[in-house]
């Protein structure tokens, strides 16, 4: 499962949603860091960040091609 770590009312986060849609990614969980001090301290200036089930993270900016390549690369077991 993919997770998009983001802020509410974030233009870059909206762009990340569009890139993901263009890349064919529609099944993901949005996680908003607003009001969560732990998430704010970890991701505050990095959002949006895409995380996979293995804990790998892809920082913004990314293109549909970059996203597809990242998804195709399997995380080490």
PDB file of N, CA and C in Angstrom:
ATOM      1  N   UNK A   1       0.839  -1.182   0.000  1.00  0.00           N
ATOM      2  CA  UNK A   1       0.000   0.000   0.000  1.00  0.00           C
ATOM      3  C   UNK A   1       0.879   1.240   0.000  1.00  0.00           C
ATOM      4  N   UNK A   2       0.507   2.194  -0.793  1.00  0.00           N
ATOM      5  CA  UNK A   2       1.220   3.467  -0.854  1.00  0.00           C
ATOM      6  C   UNK A   2       0.551   4.474   0.078  1.00  0.00           C
ATOM      7  N   UNK A   3       1.367   5.339   0.667  1.00  0.00           N
ATOM      8  CA  UNK A   3       0.885   6.403   1.534  1.00  0.00           C
ATOM      9  C   UNK A   3       1.458   7.714   1.023  1.00  0.00           C
ATOM     10  N   UNK A   4       0.582   8.709   0.852  1.00  0.00           N
ATOM     11  CA  UNK A   4       1.040  10.051   0.486  1.00  0.00           C
ATOM     12  C   UNK A   4       0.973  10.920   1.734  1.00  0.00           C
ATOM     13  N   UNK A   5       2.139  11.317   2.208  1.00  0.00           N
ATOM     14  CA  UNK A   5       2.238  12.162   3.391  1.00  0.00           C
ATOM     15  C   UNK A   5       2.175  13.601   2.909  1.00  0.00           C
ATOM     16  N   UNK A   6       1.213  14.354   3.471  1.00  0.00           N
ATOM     17  CA  UNK A   6       0.941  15.681   2.925  1.00  0.00           C
ATOM     18  C   UNK A   6       0.370  16.617   3.971  1.00  0.00           C
ATOM     19  N   UNK A   7       0.131  17.828   3.549  1.00  0.00           N
ATOM     20  CA  UNK A   7      -0.521  18.849   4.371  1.00  0.00           C
ATOM     21  C   UNK A   7      -1.873  19.177   3.754  1.00  0.00           C
ATOM     22  N   UNK A   8      -2.741  19.712   4.573  1.00  0.00           N
ATOM     23  CA  UNK A   8      -4.007  20.227   4.083  1.00  0.00           C
ATOM     24  C   UNK A   8      -3.730  21.553   3.363  1.00  0.00           C
ATOM     25  N   UNK A   9      -4.462  21.828   2.310  1.00  0.00           N
ATOM     26  CA  UNK A   9      -4.298  23.075   1.537  1.00  0.00           C
ATOM     27  C   UNK A   9      -2.852  23.258   1.056  1.00  0.00           C
ATOM     28  N   UNK A  10      -2.310  22.230   0.429  1.00  0.00           N
ATOM     29  CA  UNK A  10      -0.931  22.235  -0.049  1.00  0.00           C
ATOM     30  C   UNK A  10      -0.933  22.098  -1.569  1.00  0.00           C
ATOM     31  N   UNK A  11      -0.512  23.138  -2.270  1.00  0.00           N
ATOM     32  CA  UNK A  11      -0.509  23.115  -3.736  1.00  0.00           C
ATOM     33  C   UNK A  11       0.418  22.031  -4.281  1.00  0.00           C
ATOM     34  N   UNK A  12       1.578  21.841  -3.663  1.00  0.00           N
ATOM     35  CA  UNK A  12       2.496  20.792  -4.114  1.00  0.00           C
ATOM     36  C   UNK A  12       1.885  19.409  -3.910  1.00  0.00           C
ATOM     37  N   UNK A  13       1.146  19.253  -2.825  1.00  0.00           N
ATOM     38  CA  UNK A  13       0.478  17.976  -2.559  1.00  0.00           C
ATOM     39  C   UNK A  13      -0.584  17.708  -3.626  1.00  0.00           C
ATOM     40  N   UNK A  14      -1.301  18.746  -4.009  1.00  0.00           N
ATOM     41  CA  UNK A  14      -2.284  18.609  -5.091  1.00  0.00           C
ATOM     42  C   UNK A  14      -1.603  18.199  -6.391  1.00  0.00           C
ATOM     43  N   UNK A  15      -0.433  18.770  -6.645  1.00  0.00           N
ATOM     44  CA  UNK A  15       0.330  18.390  -7.845  1.00  0.00           C
ATOM     45  C   UNK A  15       0.755  16.925  -7.765  1.00  0.00           C
ATOM     46  N   UNK A  16       1.162  16.472  -6.580  1.00  0.00           N
ATOM     47  CA  UNK A  16       1.570  15.078  -6.403  1.00  0.00           C
ATOM     48  C   UNK A  16       0.398  14.144  -6.701  1.00  0.00           C
ATOM     49  N   UNK A  17      -0.807  14.514  -6.254  1.00  0.00           N
ATOM     50  CA  UNK A  17      -2.007  13.718  -6.565  1.00  0.00           C
ATOM     51  C   UNK A  17      -2.166  13.602  -8.078  1.00  0.00           C
ATOM     52  N   UNK A  18      -1.991  14.698  -8.797  1.00  0.00           N
ATOM     53  CA  UNK A  18      -2.130  14.697 -10.260  1.00  0.00           C
ATOM     54  C   UNK A  18      -1.084  13.808 -10.924  1.00  0.00           C
ATOM     55  N   UNK A  19       0.150  13.896 -10.454  1.00  0.00           N
ATOM     56  CA  UNK A  19       1.222  13.059 -11.006  1.00  0.00           C
ATOM     57  C   UNK A  19       0.907  11.589 -10.758  1.00  0.00           C
ATOM     58  N   UNK A  20       0.441  11.279  -9.571  1.00  0.00           N
ATOM     59  CA  UNK A  20       0.106   9.903  -9.250  1.00  0.00           C
ATOM     60  C   UNK A  20      -1.039   9.407 -10.143  1.00  0.00           C
ATOM     61  N   UNK A  21      -2.036  10.241 -10.344  1.00  0.00           N
ATOM     62  CA  UNK A  21      -3.155   9.882 -11.215  1.00  0.00           C
ATOM     63  C   UNK A  21      -2.663   9.638 -12.645  1.00  0.00           C
ATOM     64  N   UNK A  22      -1.796  10.516 -13.141  1.00  0.00           N
ATOM     65  CA  UNK A  22      -1.233  10.373 -14.482  1.00  0.00           C
ATOM     66  C   UNK A  22      -0.437   9.076 -14.604  1.00  0.00           C
ATOM     67  N   UNK A  23       0.242   8.688 -13.528  1.00  0.00           N
ATOM     68  CA  UNK A  23       1.036   7.455 -13.529  1.00  0.00           C
ATOM     69  C   UNK A  23       0.165   6.212 -13.324  1.00  0.00           C
ATOM     70  N   UNK A  24      -1.137   6.415 -13.137  1.00  0.00           N
ATOM     71  CA  UNK A  24      -2.044   5.285 -12.966  1.00  0.00           C
ATOM     72  C   UNK A  24      -2.195   4.824 -11.528  1.00  0.00           C
ATOM     73  N   UNK A  25      -1.706   5.610 -10.583  1.00  0.00           N
ATOM     74  CA  UNK A  25      -1.798   5.266  -9.160  1.00  0.00           C
ATOM     75  C   UNK A  25      -3.049   5.920  -8.585  1.00  0.00           C
ATOM     76  N   UNK A  26      -3.991   5.085  -8.212  1.00  0.00           N
ATOM     77  CA  UNK A  26      -5.225   5.610  -7.630  1.00  0.00           C
ATOM     78  C   UNK A  26      -5.523   5.008  -6.257  1.00  0.00           C
ATOM     79  N   UNK A  27      -4.775   3.966  -5.913  1.00  0.00           N
ATOM     80  CA  UNK A  27      -4.988   3.285  -4.645  1.00  0.00           C
ATOM     81  C   UNK A  27      -3.855   3.647  -3.690  1.00  0.00           C
ATOM     82  N   UNK A  28      -4.104   4.633  -2.837  1.00  0.00           N
ATOM     83  CA  UNK A  28      -3.124   5.048  -1.844  1.00  0.00           C
ATOM     84  C   UNK A  28      -3.869   5.673  -0.671  1.00  0.00           C
ATOM     85  N   UNK A  29      -3.166   5.765   0.437  1.00  0.00           N
ATOM     86  CA  UNK A  29      -3.743   6.354   1.640  1.00  0.00           C
ATOM     87  C   UNK A  29      -3.121   7.726   1.882  1.00  0.00           C
ATOM     88  N   UNK A  30      -3.936   8.780   1.930  1.00  0.00           N
ATOM     89  CA  UNK A  30      -3.390  10.085   2.285  1.00  0.00           C
ATOM     90  C   UNK A  30      -3.237  10.198   3.809  1.00  0.00           C
ATOM     91  N   UNK A  31      -2.106  10.725   4.240  1.00  0.00           N
ATOM     92  CA  UNK A  31      -1.866  10.984   5.662  1.00  0.00           C
ATOM     93  C   UNK A  31      -1.504  12.457   5.784  1.00  0.00           C
ATOM     94  N   UNK A  32      -2.305  13.185   6.557  1.00  0.00           N
ATOM     95  CA  UNK A  32      -2.091  14.612   6.751  1.00  0.00           C
ATOM     96  C   UNK A  32      -1.291  14.837   8.031  1.00  0.00           C
ATOM     97  N   UNK A  33      -0.213  15.620   7.923  1.00  0.00           N
ATOM     98  CA  UNK A  33       0.658  15.833   9.073  1.00  0.00           C
ATOM     99  C   UNK A  33       0.215  17.001   9.943  1.00  0.00           C
ATOM    100  N   UNK A  34      -0.717  17.789   9.460  1.00  0.00           N
ATOM    101  CA  UNK A  34      -1.173  18.961  10.208  1.00  0.00           C
ATOM    102  C   UNK A  34      -1.672  18.564  11.598  1.00  0.00           C
ATOM    103  N   UNK A  35      -1.131  19.210  12.630  1.00  0.00           N
ATOM    104  CA  UNK A  35      -1.581  18.970  13.990  1.00  0.00           C
ATOM    105  C   UNK A  35      -0.947  17.762  14.667  1.00  0.00           C
ATOM    106  N   UNK A  36      -0.085  17.025  13.962  1.00  0.00           N
ATOM    107  CA  UNK A  36       0.605  15.878  14.554  1.00  0.00           C
ATOM    108  C   UNK A  36       2.072  16.253  14.718  1.00  0.00           C
ATOM    109  N   UNK A  37       2.479  16.552  15.941  1.00  0.00           N
ATOM    110  CA  UNK A  37       3.827  17.085  16.177  1.00  0.00           C
ATOM    111  C   UNK A  37       4.934  16.126  15.733  1.00  0.00           C
ATOM    112  N   UNK A  38       4.722  14.826  15.900  1.00  0.00           N
ATOM    113  CA  UNK A  38       5.728  13.858  15.475  1.00  0.00           C
ATOM    114  C   UNK A  38       5.891  13.871  13.956  1.00  0.00           C
ATOM    115  N   UNK A  39       4.772  13.816  13.231  1.00  0.00           N
ATOM    116  CA  UNK A  39       4.836  13.856  11.765  1.00  0.00           C
ATOM    117  C   UNK A  39       5.334  15.208  11.266  1.00  0.00           C
ATOM    118  N   UNK A  40       4.915  16.283  11.930  1.00  0.00           N
ATOM    119  CA  UNK A  40       5.384  17.628  11.559  1.00  0.00           C
ATOM    120  C   UNK A  40       6.897  17.720  11.670  1.00  0.00           C
ATOM    121  N   UNK A  41       7.454  17.182  12.748  1.00  0.00           N
ATOM    122  CA  UNK A  41       8.906  17.290  12.937  1.00  0.00           C
ATOM    123  C   UNK A  41       9.663  16.428  11.926  1.00  0.00           C
ATOM    124  N   UNK A  42       9.081  15.309  11.535  1.00  0.00           N
ATOM    125  CA  UNK A  42       9.761  14.424  10.594  1.00  0.00           C
ATOM    126  C   UNK A  42       9.616  14.869   9.139  1.00  0.00           C
ATOM    127  N   UNK A  43       8.425  15.332   8.763  1.00  0.00           N
ATOM    128  CA  UNK A  43       8.139  15.607   7.350  1.00  0.00           C
ATOM    129  C   UNK A  43       7.848  17.068   7.041  1.00  0.00           C
ATOM    130  N   UNK A  44       7.851  17.937   8.020  1.00  0.00           N
ATOM    131  CA  UNK A  44       7.414  19.320   7.870  1.00  0.00           C
ATOM    132  C   UNK A  44       7.746  20.006   6.560  1.00  0.00           C
ATOM    133  N   UNK A  45       9.011  20.082   6.200  1.00  0.00           N
ATOM    134  CA  UNK A  45       9.403  20.803   4.988  1.00  0.00           C
ATOM    135  C   UNK A  45       9.532  19.888   3.773  1.00  0.00           C
ATOM    136  N   UNK A  46       9.323  18.583   3.974  1.00  0.00           N
ATOM    137  CA  UNK A  46       9.524  17.621   2.880  1.00  0.00           C
ATOM    138  C   UNK A  46       8.251  17.292   2.108  1.00  0.00           C
ATOM    139  N   UNK A  47       7.096  17.575   2.656  1.00  0.00           N
ATOM    140  CA  UNK A  47       5.854  17.153   2.000  1.00  0.00           C
ATOM    141  C   UNK A  47       5.702  17.798   0.628  1.00  0.00           C
ATOM    142  N   UNK A  48       5.112  17.055  -0.286  1.00  0.00           N
ATOM    143  CA  UNK A  48       4.586  15.710  -0.159  1.00  0.00           C
ATOM    144  C   UNK A  48       5.680  14.649  -0.276  1.00  0.00           C
ATOM    145  N   UNK A  49       5.446  13.537   0.422  1.00  0.00           N
ATOM    146  CA  UNK A  49       6.357  12.389   0.398  1.00  0.00           C
ATOM    147  C   UNK A  49       5.505  11.144   0.152  1.00  0.00           C
ATOM    148  N   UNK A  50       5.936  10.318  -0.771  1.00  0.00           N
ATOM    149  CA  UNK A  50       5.243   9.069  -1.040  1.00  0.00           C
ATOM    150  C   UNK A  50       6.019   7.943  -0.376  1.00  0.00           C
ATOM    151  N   UNK A  51       5.327   7.084   0.373  1.00  0.00           N
ATOM    152  CA  UNK A  51       5.970   5.973   1.078  1.00  0.00           C
ATOM    153  C   UNK A  51       5.311   4.665   0.635  1.00  0.00           C
ATOM    154  N   UNK A  52       6.139   3.639   0.442  1.00  0.00           N
ATOM    155  CA  UNK A  52       5.580   2.335   0.077  1.00  0.00           C
ATOM    156  C   UNK A  52       5.497   1.435   1.311  1.00  0.00           C
ATOM    157  N   UNK A  53       5.002   0.233   1.128  1.00  0.00           N
ATOM    158  CA  UNK A  53       4.795  -0.703   2.233  1.00  0.00           C
ATOM    159  C   UNK A  53       6.101  -1.149   2.889  1.00  0.00           C
ATOM    160  N   UNK A  54       7.228  -0.989   2.178  1.00  0.00           N
ATOM    161  CA  UNK A  54       8.533  -1.362   2.716  1.00  0.00           C
ATOM    162  C   UNK A  54       9.199  -0.213   3.472  1.00  0.00           C
ATOM    163  N   UNK A  55       8.549   0.952   3.491  1.00  0.00           N
ATOM    164  CA  UNK A  55       9.113   2.109   4.176  1.00  0.00           C
ATOM    165  C   UNK A  55       9.986   2.987   3.302  1.00  0.00           C
ATOM    166  N   UNK A  56      10.122   2.621   2.010  1.00  0.00           N
ATOM    167  CA  UNK A  56      10.887   3.484   1.103  1.00  0.00           C
ATOM    168  C   UNK A  56      10.103   4.772   0.889  1.00  0.00           C
ATOM    169  N   UNK A  57      10.823   5.872   0.744  1.00  0.00           N
ATOM    170  CA  UNK A  57      10.177   7.170   0.569  1.00  0.00           C
ATOM    171  C   UNK A  57      10.685   7.845  -0.705  1.00  0.00           C
ATOM    172  N   UNK A  58       9.746   8.468  -1.397  1.00  0.00           N
ATOM    173  CA  UNK A  58      10.046   9.245  -2.595  1.00  0.00           C
ATOM    174  C   UNK A  58       9.628  10.677  -2.326  1.00  0.00           C
ATOM    175  N   UNK A  59      10.626  11.569  -2.274  1.00  0.00           N
ATOM    176  CA  UNK A  59      10.354  12.980  -2.012  1.00  0.00           C
ATOM    177  C   UNK A  59       9.912  13.693  -3.279  1.00  0.00           C
ATOM    178  N   UNK A  60       9.106  14.705  -3.101  1.00  0.00           N
ATOM    179  CA  UNK A  60       8.715  15.601  -4.161  1.00  0.00           C
ATOM    180  C   UNK A  60       9.911  16.455  -4.514  1.00  0.00           C
ATOM    181  N   UNK A  61      10.128  16.798  -5.762  1.00  0.00           N
ATOM    182  CA  UNK A  61       9.252  16.592  -6.911  1.00  0.00           C
ATOM    183  C   UNK A  61       9.534  15.263  -7.605  1.00  0.00           C
ATOM    184  N   UNK A  62       8.488  14.681  -8.180  1.00  0.00           N
ATOM    185  CA  UNK A  62       8.635  13.496  -9.007  1.00  0.00           C
ATOM    186  C   UNK A  62       7.669  13.578 -10.182  1.00  0.00           C
ATOM    187  N   UNK A  63       8.088  12.964 -11.277  1.00  0.00           N
ATOM    188  CA  UNK A  63       7.280  12.930 -12.489  1.00  0.00           C
ATOM    189  C   UNK A  63       6.594  11.564 -12.571  1.00  0.00           C
ATOM    190  N   UNK A  64       5.629  11.410 -13.477  1.00  0.00           N
ATOM    191  CA  UNK A  64       5.036  10.080 -13.645  1.00  0.00           C
ATOM    192  C   UNK A  64       6.078   9.014 -13.980  1.00  0.00           C
ATOM    193  N   UNK A  65       7.039   9.324 -14.837  1.00  0.00           N
ATOM    194  CA  UNK A  65       8.078   8.355 -15.189  1.00  0.00           C
ATOM    195  C   UNK A  65       8.964   8.014 -13.996  1.00  0.00           C
ATOM    196  N   UNK A  66       9.342   9.009 -13.208  1.00  0.00           N
ATOM    197  CA  UNK A  66      10.144   8.760 -12.008  1.00  0.00           C
ATOM    198  C   UNK A  66       9.369   7.888 -11.023  1.00  0.00           C
ATOM    199  N   UNK A  67       8.082   8.154 -10.887  1.00  0.00           N
ATOM    200  CA  UNK A  67       7.241   7.393  -9.975  1.00  0.00           C
ATOM    201  C   UNK A  67       7.131   5.940 -10.429  1.00  0.00           C
ATOM    202  N   UNK A  68       6.905   5.732 -11.710  1.00  0.00           N
ATOM    203  CA  UNK A  68       6.814   4.362 -12.237  1.00  0.00           C
ATOM    204  C   UNK A  68       8.126   3.603 -12.029  1.00  0.00           C
ATOM    205  N   UNK A  69       9.259   4.271 -12.266  1.00  0.00           N
ATOM    206  CA  UNK A  69      10.564   3.628 -12.071  1.00  0.00           C
ATOM    207  C   UNK A  69      10.788   3.294 -10.596  1.00  0.00           C
ATOM    208  N   UNK A  70      10.420   4.186  -9.724  1.00  0.00           N
ATOM    209  CA  UNK A  70      10.556   3.957  -8.278  1.00  0.00           C
ATOM    210  C   UNK A  70       9.712   2.773  -7.846  1.00  0.00           C
ATOM    211  N   UNK A  71       8.497   2.688  -8.359  1.00  0.00           N
ATOM    212  CA  UNK A  71       7.604   1.577  -8.015  1.00  0.00           C
ATOM    213  C   UNK A  71       8.104   0.253  -8.589  1.00  0.00           C
ATOM    214  N   UNK A  72       8.752   0.296  -9.741  1.00  0.00           N
ATOM    215  CA  UNK A  72       9.239  -0.923 -10.386  1.00  0.00           C
ATOM    216  C   UNK A  72      10.460  -1.493  -9.665  1.00  0.00           C
ATOM    217  N   UNK A  73      11.195  -0.643  -8.968  1.00  0.00           N
ATOM    218  CA  UNK A  73      12.388  -1.086  -8.239  1.00  0.00           C
ATOM    219  C   UNK A  73      11.945  -1.712  -6.937  1.00  0.00           C
ATOM    220  N   UNK A  74      12.201  -2.976  -6.766  1.00  0.00           N
ATOM    221  CA  UNK A  74      11.758  -3.646  -5.538  1.00  0.00           C
ATOM    222  C   UNK A  74      12.734  -3.358  -4.406  1.00  0.00           C
ATOM    223  N   UNK A  75      12.160  -3.154  -3.243  1.00  0.00           N
ATOM    224  CA  UNK A  75      12.974  -2.877  -2.057  1.00  0.00           C
ATOM    225  C   UNK A  75      13.715  -4.127  -1.637  1.00  0.00           C
ATOM    226  N   UNK A  76      14.889  -3.990  -1.056  1.00  0.00           N
ATOM    227  CA  UNK A  76      15.646  -5.153  -0.596  1.00  0.00           C
ATOM    228  C   UNK A  76      14.848  -5.925   0.447  1.00  0.00           C
ATOM    229  N   UNK A  77      14.960  -7.233   0.408  1.00  0.00           N
ATOM    230  CA  UNK A  77      14.238  -8.088   1.360  1.00  0.00           C
ATOM    231  C   UNK A  77      14.955  -8.117   2.679  1.00  0.00           C
TER     232      UNK A  77
END
